[in-house]
N, C-alpha and C. Protein backbone atom coordinates (compact mmCIF):
# COMPACT_ATOMS: atom_id res chain seq x y z
N MET A 1 0.84 -1.19 0.00
CA MET A 1 0.00 0.00 0.00
C MET A 1 0.88 1.24 0.00
N SER A 2 0.40 2.27 -0.65
CA SER A 2 1.12 3.53 -0.59
C SER A 2 0.86 4.19 0.77
N GLN A 3 1.66 5.15 1.08
CA GLN A 3 1.57 5.82 2.38
C GLN A 3 0.28 6.63 2.50
N ILE A 4 -0.34 6.57 3.64
CA ILE A 4 -1.57 7.30 3.92
C ILE A 4 -1.34 8.80 3.73
N GLN A 5 -2.35 9.49 3.22
CA GLN A 5 -2.25 10.91 2.90
C GLN A 5 -3.38 11.71 3.55
N VAL A 6 -3.22 13.02 3.57
CA VAL A 6 -4.29 13.91 4.04
C VAL A 6 -5.52 13.65 3.17
N GLY A 7 -6.66 13.52 3.83
CA GLY A 7 -7.92 13.24 3.14
C GLY A 7 -8.29 11.78 3.15
N ASP A 8 -7.31 10.90 3.39
CA ASP A 8 -7.60 9.46 3.44
C ASP A 8 -8.34 9.10 4.72
N THR A 9 -9.08 8.02 4.66
CA THR A 9 -9.75 7.47 5.84
C THR A 9 -8.79 6.53 6.56
N LEU A 10 -8.74 6.64 7.87
CA LEU A 10 -7.90 5.77 8.68
C LEU A 10 -8.40 4.33 8.53
N PRO A 11 -7.51 3.37 8.30
CA PRO A 11 -7.97 1.99 8.17
C PRO A 11 -8.45 1.43 9.52
N SER A 12 -9.31 0.46 9.43
CA SER A 12 -9.80 -0.22 10.63
C SER A 12 -8.79 -1.28 11.04
N VAL A 13 -8.10 -1.04 12.14
CA VAL A 13 -7.07 -1.94 12.65
C VAL A 13 -7.24 -2.03 14.15
N THR A 14 -6.98 -3.21 14.71
CA THR A 14 -7.04 -3.36 16.16
C THR A 14 -5.63 -3.45 16.72
N LEU A 15 -5.34 -2.51 17.61
CA LEU A 15 -4.07 -2.47 18.35
C LEU A 15 -4.32 -3.08 19.72
N LYS A 16 -3.29 -3.16 20.54
CA LYS A 16 -3.43 -3.61 21.92
C LYS A 16 -2.84 -2.56 22.85
N TYR A 17 -3.44 -2.42 24.02
CA TYR A 17 -2.90 -1.49 25.01
C TYR A 17 -3.30 -1.94 26.40
N CYS A 18 -2.63 -1.40 27.38
CA CYS A 18 -2.96 -1.65 28.78
C CYS A 18 -3.57 -0.37 29.32
N PRO A 19 -4.86 -0.39 29.63
CA PRO A 19 -5.50 0.83 30.15
C PRO A 19 -4.75 1.33 31.38
N TYR A 20 -4.61 2.65 31.46
CA TYR A 20 -3.90 3.25 32.59
C TYR A 20 -4.60 2.89 33.89
N ASP A 21 -3.84 2.35 34.82
CA ASP A 21 -4.34 2.00 36.14
C ASP A 21 -3.23 2.30 37.14
N PRO A 22 -3.36 3.40 37.90
CA PRO A 22 -2.28 3.78 38.82
C PRO A 22 -2.02 2.76 39.92
N THR A 23 -2.93 1.81 40.14
CA THR A 23 -2.71 0.80 41.18
C THR A 23 -1.81 -0.33 40.68
N LEU A 24 -1.65 -0.45 39.36
CA LEU A 24 -0.79 -1.48 38.80
C LEU A 24 0.55 -0.84 38.42
N LYS A 25 1.47 -0.85 39.36
CA LYS A 25 2.73 -0.17 39.14
C LYS A 25 3.70 -0.98 38.26
N ASP A 26 3.68 -2.30 38.39
CA ASP A 26 4.66 -3.11 37.68
C ASP A 26 4.07 -4.03 36.62
N ALA A 27 2.76 -4.24 36.64
CA ALA A 27 2.17 -5.20 35.72
C ALA A 27 1.13 -4.53 34.84
N CYS A 28 0.99 -5.10 33.68
CA CYS A 28 0.01 -4.58 32.73
C CYS A 28 -1.36 -5.17 33.00
N GLY A 29 -1.42 -6.38 33.47
CA GLY A 29 -2.70 -7.07 33.51
C GLY A 29 -2.92 -7.70 32.15
N ILE A 30 -4.13 -7.66 31.66
CA ILE A 30 -4.44 -8.25 30.37
C ILE A 30 -4.58 -7.14 29.33
N PRO A 31 -3.74 -7.17 28.29
CA PRO A 31 -3.86 -6.14 27.25
C PRO A 31 -5.26 -6.14 26.63
N GLN A 32 -5.74 -4.96 26.34
CA GLN A 32 -7.08 -4.78 25.79
C GLN A 32 -7.00 -4.35 24.33
N PRO A 33 -8.02 -4.67 23.55
CA PRO A 33 -8.03 -4.20 22.16
C PRO A 33 -8.32 -2.71 22.08
N LEU A 34 -7.70 -2.06 21.13
CA LEU A 34 -7.96 -0.66 20.84
C LEU A 34 -8.17 -0.57 19.33
N SER A 35 -9.42 -0.52 18.92
CA SER A 35 -9.73 -0.44 17.50
C SER A 35 -9.65 1.01 17.04
N THR A 36 -9.08 1.20 15.88
CA THR A 36 -9.07 2.55 15.32
C THR A 36 -10.50 3.02 15.05
N ASP A 37 -11.44 2.11 14.94
CA ASP A 37 -12.85 2.48 14.77
C ASP A 37 -13.36 3.29 15.96
N SER A 38 -12.72 3.14 17.12
CA SER A 38 -13.13 3.90 18.31
C SER A 38 -12.81 5.39 18.16
N PHE A 39 -12.07 5.76 17.11
CA PHE A 39 -11.73 7.17 16.88
C PHE A 39 -12.83 7.91 16.12
N LYS A 40 -13.88 7.21 15.72
CA LYS A 40 -14.99 7.85 15.01
C LYS A 40 -15.58 8.95 15.88
N GLY A 41 -15.80 10.11 15.27
CA GLY A 41 -16.39 11.24 15.99
C GLY A 41 -15.41 11.98 16.90
N LYS A 42 -14.13 11.63 16.85
CA LYS A 42 -13.12 12.24 17.72
C LYS A 42 -12.01 12.87 16.89
N LYS A 43 -11.31 13.78 17.54
CA LYS A 43 -10.07 14.33 16.98
C LYS A 43 -8.94 13.65 17.76
N VAL A 44 -8.12 12.90 17.03
CA VAL A 44 -7.08 12.09 17.65
C VAL A 44 -5.73 12.43 17.02
N VAL A 45 -4.73 12.58 17.87
CA VAL A 45 -3.35 12.71 17.41
C VAL A 45 -2.70 11.36 17.61
N ILE A 46 -2.18 10.82 16.52
CA ILE A 46 -1.46 9.55 16.56
C ILE A 46 -0.03 9.84 16.17
N PHE A 47 0.90 9.36 16.98
CA PHE A 47 2.30 9.46 16.56
C PHE A 47 2.96 8.10 16.69
N GLY A 48 3.80 7.82 15.73
CA GLY A 48 4.46 6.52 15.69
C GLY A 48 5.95 6.65 15.89
N VAL A 49 6.48 5.65 16.57
CA VAL A 49 7.91 5.63 16.86
C VAL A 49 8.49 4.27 16.45
N PRO A 50 9.74 4.24 16.00
CA PRO A 50 10.36 2.97 15.62
C PRO A 50 10.57 2.02 16.78
N GLY A 51 10.80 2.54 17.99
CA GLY A 51 11.05 1.64 19.11
C GLY A 51 10.89 2.28 20.47
N ALA A 52 10.18 1.60 21.34
CA ALA A 52 10.06 2.03 22.74
C ALA A 52 11.45 2.02 23.38
N PHE A 53 11.69 2.96 24.25
CA PHE A 53 12.93 3.08 25.02
C PHE A 53 14.14 3.46 24.17
N THR A 54 14.00 3.62 22.86
CA THR A 54 15.15 3.99 22.04
C THR A 54 15.45 5.48 22.25
N PRO A 55 16.68 5.92 22.08
CA PRO A 55 17.07 7.27 22.50
C PRO A 55 16.19 8.41 21.97
N THR A 56 15.99 8.53 20.67
CA THR A 56 15.20 9.65 20.15
C THR A 56 13.74 9.54 20.57
N CYS A 57 13.20 8.33 20.50
CA CYS A 57 11.79 8.12 20.88
C CYS A 57 11.58 8.46 22.36
N ASN A 58 12.49 8.01 23.19
CA ASN A 58 12.36 8.15 24.63
C ASN A 58 12.71 9.55 25.13
N ASN A 59 13.71 10.17 24.54
CA ASN A 59 14.20 11.45 25.05
C ASN A 59 13.59 12.67 24.38
N ASN A 60 13.09 12.50 23.15
CA ASN A 60 12.59 13.66 22.40
C ASN A 60 11.12 13.55 21.99
N HIS A 61 10.75 12.42 21.41
CA HIS A 61 9.43 12.32 20.80
C HIS A 61 8.31 12.21 21.83
N LEU A 62 8.31 11.14 22.62
CA LEU A 62 7.26 10.92 23.63
C LEU A 62 7.17 12.05 24.65
N PRO A 63 8.28 12.51 25.23
CA PRO A 63 8.17 13.56 26.25
C PRO A 63 7.49 14.84 25.77
N GLU A 64 7.71 15.22 24.51
CA GLU A 64 7.11 16.45 24.00
C GLU A 64 5.58 16.33 23.96
N TYR A 65 5.07 15.16 23.63
CA TYR A 65 3.61 14.97 23.61
C TYR A 65 3.04 15.02 25.02
N TYR A 66 3.76 14.46 25.96
CA TYR A 66 3.31 14.53 27.35
C TYR A 66 3.33 15.98 27.85
N GLN A 67 4.41 16.69 27.55
CA GLN A 67 4.55 18.08 28.01
C GLN A 67 3.53 19.01 27.36
N LYS A 68 3.16 18.75 26.13
CA LYS A 68 2.23 19.62 25.40
C LYS A 68 0.81 19.05 25.35
N TYR A 69 0.54 18.07 26.18
CA TYR A 69 -0.78 17.42 26.18
C TYR A 69 -1.92 18.43 26.37
N GLN A 70 -1.80 19.29 27.36
CA GLN A 70 -2.88 20.25 27.62
C GLN A 70 -3.07 21.23 26.46
N ASP A 71 -1.98 21.61 25.81
CA ASP A 71 -2.07 22.47 24.64
C ASP A 71 -2.85 21.77 23.52
N LEU A 72 -2.62 20.48 23.35
CA LEU A 72 -3.34 19.70 22.35
C LEU A 72 -4.82 19.62 22.70
N VAL A 73 -5.12 19.36 23.95
CA VAL A 73 -6.52 19.30 24.40
C VAL A 73 -7.20 20.65 24.18
N ASN A 74 -6.48 21.73 24.48
CA ASN A 74 -7.04 23.07 24.29
C ASN A 74 -7.37 23.35 22.82
N LYS A 75 -6.73 22.61 21.90
CA LYS A 75 -7.00 22.76 20.46
C LYS A 75 -8.05 21.74 19.99
N GLY A 76 -8.70 21.07 20.94
CA GLY A 76 -9.80 20.17 20.58
C GLY A 76 -9.44 18.71 20.43
N VAL A 77 -8.22 18.33 20.78
CA VAL A 77 -7.81 16.93 20.65
C VAL A 77 -8.45 16.11 21.78
N ASP A 78 -9.06 15.00 21.39
CA ASP A 78 -9.71 14.11 22.36
C ASP A 78 -8.77 13.06 22.92
N GLN A 79 -7.87 12.57 22.08
CA GLN A 79 -6.94 11.52 22.51
C GLN A 79 -5.59 11.71 21.83
N VAL A 80 -4.54 11.31 22.55
CA VAL A 80 -3.20 11.25 22.00
C VAL A 80 -2.75 9.79 22.10
N VAL A 81 -2.35 9.22 20.98
CA VAL A 81 -2.00 7.80 20.93
C VAL A 81 -0.60 7.65 20.37
N CYS A 82 0.25 6.95 21.11
CA CYS A 82 1.59 6.61 20.66
C CYS A 82 1.56 5.15 20.20
N ILE A 83 2.01 4.90 18.97
CA ILE A 83 2.02 3.54 18.43
C ILE A 83 3.44 3.13 18.11
N SER A 84 3.78 1.92 18.52
CA SER A 84 5.07 1.35 18.16
C SER A 84 4.87 -0.12 17.83
N THR A 85 5.76 -0.66 17.02
CA THR A 85 5.70 -2.07 16.66
C THR A 85 6.38 -2.89 17.76
N ALA A 86 5.79 -2.81 18.93
CA ALA A 86 6.23 -3.57 20.10
C ALA A 86 5.00 -4.28 20.65
N ASP A 87 5.16 -5.00 21.73
CA ASP A 87 3.99 -5.63 22.35
C ASP A 87 3.42 -4.72 23.43
N ALA A 88 2.21 -5.01 23.86
CA ALA A 88 1.51 -4.17 24.83
C ALA A 88 2.24 -4.08 26.17
N PHE A 89 2.94 -5.13 26.55
CA PHE A 89 3.67 -5.12 27.81
C PHE A 89 4.84 -4.14 27.77
N VAL A 90 5.55 -4.11 26.65
CA VAL A 90 6.65 -3.16 26.48
C VAL A 90 6.12 -1.73 26.46
N MET A 91 5.03 -1.51 25.72
CA MET A 91 4.46 -0.17 25.65
C MET A 91 3.96 0.28 27.02
N ASP A 92 3.36 -0.62 27.77
CA ASP A 92 2.90 -0.29 29.12
C ASP A 92 4.09 0.07 30.03
N ALA A 93 5.13 -0.74 29.97
CA ALA A 93 6.33 -0.47 30.79
C ALA A 93 6.95 0.87 30.41
N TRP A 94 6.99 1.18 29.13
CA TRP A 94 7.56 2.44 28.67
C TRP A 94 6.72 3.61 29.17
N GLY A 95 5.41 3.48 29.09
CA GLY A 95 4.52 4.53 29.59
C GLY A 95 4.70 4.77 31.08
N LYS A 96 4.86 3.69 31.83
CA LYS A 96 5.06 3.82 33.28
C LYS A 96 6.43 4.43 33.57
N TRP A 97 7.44 4.00 32.84
CA TRP A 97 8.80 4.48 33.08
C TRP A 97 8.91 5.97 32.79
N THR A 98 8.16 6.45 31.80
CA THR A 98 8.19 7.86 31.43
C THR A 98 7.10 8.68 32.12
N ASN A 99 6.29 8.01 32.92
CA ASN A 99 5.23 8.68 33.70
C ASN A 99 4.23 9.47 32.86
N VAL A 100 3.82 8.92 31.70
CA VAL A 100 2.84 9.63 30.88
C VAL A 100 1.42 9.50 31.44
N GLY A 101 1.22 8.57 32.38
CA GLY A 101 -0.09 8.41 32.99
C GLY A 101 -1.17 8.13 31.97
N ASP A 102 -2.29 8.83 32.11
CA ASP A 102 -3.41 8.60 31.19
C ASP A 102 -3.43 9.63 30.06
N LYS A 103 -2.39 10.42 29.94
CA LYS A 103 -2.36 11.46 28.92
C LYS A 103 -2.08 10.91 27.52
N VAL A 104 -1.23 9.92 27.43
CA VAL A 104 -0.87 9.31 26.14
C VAL A 104 -1.22 7.83 26.21
N ILE A 105 -2.04 7.38 25.29
CA ILE A 105 -2.35 5.95 25.19
C ILE A 105 -1.17 5.28 24.50
N MET A 106 -0.59 4.31 25.17
CA MET A 106 0.59 3.62 24.67
C MET A 106 0.12 2.34 23.98
N ALA A 107 -0.01 2.41 22.66
CA ALA A 107 -0.62 1.31 21.89
C ALA A 107 0.43 0.48 21.16
N ALA A 108 0.21 -0.82 21.18
CA ALA A 108 1.12 -1.77 20.54
C ALA A 108 0.57 -2.21 19.19
N ASP A 109 1.44 -2.17 18.21
CA ASP A 109 1.15 -2.68 16.87
C ASP A 109 2.10 -3.85 16.64
N GLY A 110 1.98 -4.85 17.50
CA GLY A 110 2.93 -5.95 17.56
C GLY A 110 3.17 -6.69 16.26
N ASN A 111 2.14 -6.86 15.45
CA ASN A 111 2.28 -7.55 14.17
C ASN A 111 2.51 -6.59 13.01
N GLY A 112 2.52 -5.30 13.31
CA GLY A 112 2.72 -4.30 12.27
C GLY A 112 1.50 -4.09 11.38
N ASP A 113 0.33 -4.50 11.85
CA ASP A 113 -0.88 -4.36 11.04
C ASP A 113 -1.19 -2.91 10.70
N PHE A 114 -1.05 -2.01 11.68
CA PHE A 114 -1.34 -0.60 11.44
C PHE A 114 -0.34 0.03 10.48
N VAL A 115 0.95 -0.19 10.73
CA VAL A 115 1.96 0.43 9.87
C VAL A 115 1.91 -0.12 8.45
N LYS A 116 1.56 -1.38 8.31
CA LYS A 116 1.42 -1.94 6.96
C LYS A 116 0.19 -1.35 6.27
N ALA A 117 -0.93 -1.24 6.99
CA ALA A 117 -2.18 -0.73 6.40
C ALA A 117 -2.07 0.74 6.03
N THR A 118 -1.20 1.49 6.71
CA THR A 118 -1.06 2.92 6.43
C THR A 118 0.17 3.23 5.57
N GLY A 119 0.96 2.22 5.26
CA GLY A 119 2.17 2.44 4.48
C GLY A 119 3.27 3.12 5.27
N LEU A 120 3.19 3.04 6.59
CA LEU A 120 4.17 3.69 7.47
C LEU A 120 5.16 2.68 8.06
N VAL A 121 5.42 1.63 7.32
CA VAL A 121 6.33 0.58 7.76
C VAL A 121 7.72 0.83 7.18
N GLN A 122 8.72 0.43 7.95
CA GLN A 122 10.10 0.49 7.44
C GLN A 122 10.84 -0.75 7.91
N ASP A 123 11.87 -1.10 7.18
CA ASP A 123 12.70 -2.26 7.48
C ASP A 123 13.97 -1.77 8.16
N LEU A 124 14.12 -2.14 9.43
CA LEU A 124 15.32 -1.74 10.17
C LEU A 124 16.21 -2.93 10.49
N THR A 125 16.19 -3.93 9.59
CA THR A 125 17.01 -5.12 9.78
C THR A 125 18.49 -4.76 9.93
N LYS A 126 18.96 -3.83 9.12
CA LYS A 126 20.39 -3.46 9.17
C LYS A 126 20.77 -2.85 10.51
N ALA A 127 19.80 -2.28 11.22
CA ALA A 127 20.06 -1.71 12.55
C ALA A 127 19.81 -2.72 13.66
N GLY A 128 19.45 -3.96 13.26
CA GLY A 128 19.20 -5.01 14.25
C GLY A 128 17.85 -4.88 14.95
N MET A 129 16.93 -4.13 14.35
CA MET A 129 15.64 -3.89 15.00
C MET A 129 14.48 -4.62 14.32
N GLY A 130 14.75 -5.35 13.24
CA GLY A 130 13.70 -6.13 12.60
C GLY A 130 13.18 -5.52 11.31
N ALA A 131 12.48 -6.36 10.55
CA ALA A 131 12.00 -5.98 9.23
C ALA A 131 10.71 -5.18 9.26
N VAL A 132 9.94 -5.28 10.32
CA VAL A 132 8.67 -4.56 10.40
C VAL A 132 8.73 -3.59 11.57
N ARG A 133 9.06 -2.36 11.25
CA ARG A 133 9.10 -1.29 12.25
C ARG A 133 8.33 -0.09 11.74
N SER A 134 7.90 0.73 12.66
CA SER A 134 7.17 1.95 12.31
C SER A 134 8.13 3.03 11.86
N LYS A 135 7.70 3.79 10.87
CA LYS A 135 8.40 5.03 10.59
C LYS A 135 8.10 6.00 11.73
N ARG A 136 8.87 7.07 11.83
CA ARG A 136 8.58 8.11 12.80
C ARG A 136 7.63 9.10 12.11
N TYR A 137 6.44 9.26 12.69
CA TYR A 137 5.43 10.10 12.05
C TYR A 137 4.47 10.64 13.11
N ALA A 138 3.66 11.57 12.68
CA ALA A 138 2.51 12.03 13.47
C ALA A 138 1.38 12.31 12.49
N MET A 139 0.17 12.08 12.95
CA MET A 139 -0.99 12.42 12.13
C MET A 139 -2.11 12.92 13.03
N VAL A 140 -2.92 13.78 12.45
CA VAL A 140 -4.15 14.22 13.11
C VAL A 140 -5.28 13.56 12.34
N VAL A 141 -6.18 12.94 13.07
CA VAL A 141 -7.31 12.24 12.48
C VAL A 141 -8.58 12.84 13.08
N GLU A 142 -9.45 13.35 12.22
CA GLU A 142 -10.72 13.92 12.67
C GLU A 142 -11.85 13.09 12.08
N ASP A 143 -12.59 12.43 12.96
CA ASP A 143 -13.69 11.55 12.55
C ASP A 143 -13.23 10.59 11.46
N MET A 144 -12.08 9.97 11.69
CA MET A 144 -11.48 8.94 10.84
C MET A 144 -10.80 9.47 9.57
N LYS A 145 -10.81 10.78 9.34
CA LYS A 145 -10.15 11.36 8.17
C LYS A 145 -8.82 11.99 8.60
N VAL A 146 -7.78 11.72 7.85
CA VAL A 146 -6.47 12.29 8.13
C VAL A 146 -6.47 13.75 7.67
N THR A 147 -6.18 14.65 8.63
CA THR A 147 -6.13 16.08 8.29
C THR A 147 -4.69 16.62 8.31
N TYR A 148 -3.76 15.85 8.90
CA TYR A 148 -2.34 16.20 8.88
C TYR A 148 -1.55 14.91 8.96
N ILE A 149 -0.47 14.86 8.21
CA ILE A 149 0.47 13.75 8.33
C ILE A 149 1.87 14.32 8.15
N GLY A 150 2.73 14.02 9.10
CA GLY A 150 4.13 14.42 9.03
C GLY A 150 5.00 13.20 9.25
N VAL A 151 5.76 12.83 8.24
CA VAL A 151 6.63 11.65 8.30
C VAL A 151 8.07 12.12 8.21
N GLU A 152 8.87 11.71 9.16
CA GLU A 152 10.28 12.12 9.18
C GLU A 152 11.04 11.45 8.04
N THR A 153 11.86 12.23 7.37
CA THR A 153 12.71 11.70 6.30
C THR A 153 14.18 11.71 6.71
N LYS A 154 14.46 12.34 7.85
CA LYS A 154 15.82 12.38 8.39
C LYS A 154 15.76 11.97 9.86
N PHE A 155 16.92 11.70 10.43
CA PHE A 155 17.01 11.35 11.85
C PHE A 155 16.54 12.52 12.70
N GLY A 156 15.79 12.24 13.75
CA GLY A 156 15.35 13.27 14.67
C GLY A 156 13.85 13.48 14.60
N VAL A 157 13.40 14.50 15.33
CA VAL A 157 11.97 14.81 15.43
C VAL A 157 11.75 16.23 14.95
N SER A 158 10.98 16.39 13.89
CA SER A 158 10.61 17.72 13.41
C SER A 158 9.13 17.71 13.05
N VAL A 159 8.77 17.24 11.86
CA VAL A 159 7.37 17.26 11.40
C VAL A 159 6.47 16.32 12.17
N SER A 160 7.06 15.42 12.97
CA SER A 160 6.26 14.48 13.75
C SER A 160 6.17 14.87 15.23
N GLY A 161 6.75 15.97 15.59
CA GLY A 161 6.73 16.41 16.98
C GLY A 161 5.43 17.09 17.36
N ALA A 162 5.20 17.19 18.65
CA ALA A 162 3.98 17.83 19.16
C ALA A 162 3.89 19.28 18.73
N GLY A 163 5.00 19.97 18.67
CA GLY A 163 4.99 21.38 18.24
C GLY A 163 4.52 21.52 16.80
N ALA A 164 4.97 20.63 15.92
CA ALA A 164 4.55 20.66 14.52
C ALA A 164 3.06 20.36 14.41
N VAL A 165 2.59 19.41 15.19
CA VAL A 165 1.16 19.07 15.19
C VAL A 165 0.33 20.25 15.69
N LEU A 166 0.77 20.86 16.77
CA LEU A 166 0.04 22.03 17.32
C LEU A 166 -0.07 23.14 16.29
N ALA A 167 0.98 23.33 15.52
CA ALA A 167 0.96 24.40 14.50
C ALA A 167 -0.06 24.12 13.40
N LYS A 168 -0.44 22.86 13.22
CA LYS A 168 -1.39 22.49 12.18
C LYS A 168 -2.82 22.40 12.69
N LEU A 169 -3.02 22.49 14.00
CA LEU A 169 -4.38 22.38 14.55
C LEU A 169 -5.10 23.72 14.50
């Protein structure tokens, strides 16, 4: 599939996540399904990262969304979702380690279904990270329609950062 574009409808894909529960400090419990269909009627910011706990993702990308969460909400965003091609347990641990709480939904695309369906997949075999990894991107989805998409073409965070998304809202 070609890469998803502004104006396209978000594909129906089921991710996995561990609902935020402050009483579960070390365990995820049972991962729950998170269907992209649940974004109907909402304004959702989705950002994708190649790997949980990796330096750029951990130090630059995720923290900016947490820090600018209220600014995003003030612009009408209903949910902020971080997607990585990891499992729900890794995503839950990363969310807890970075203390994002309930502000960012840490969603797992373990089989790469979402990145394949949106054309946002990349092969990082040469980096030892596997053949099915997410590109670094951000998108704004309003009632299932993509209204902004920023995909990084160089190392680092620019068009996929929270600041770039805020400028487009």
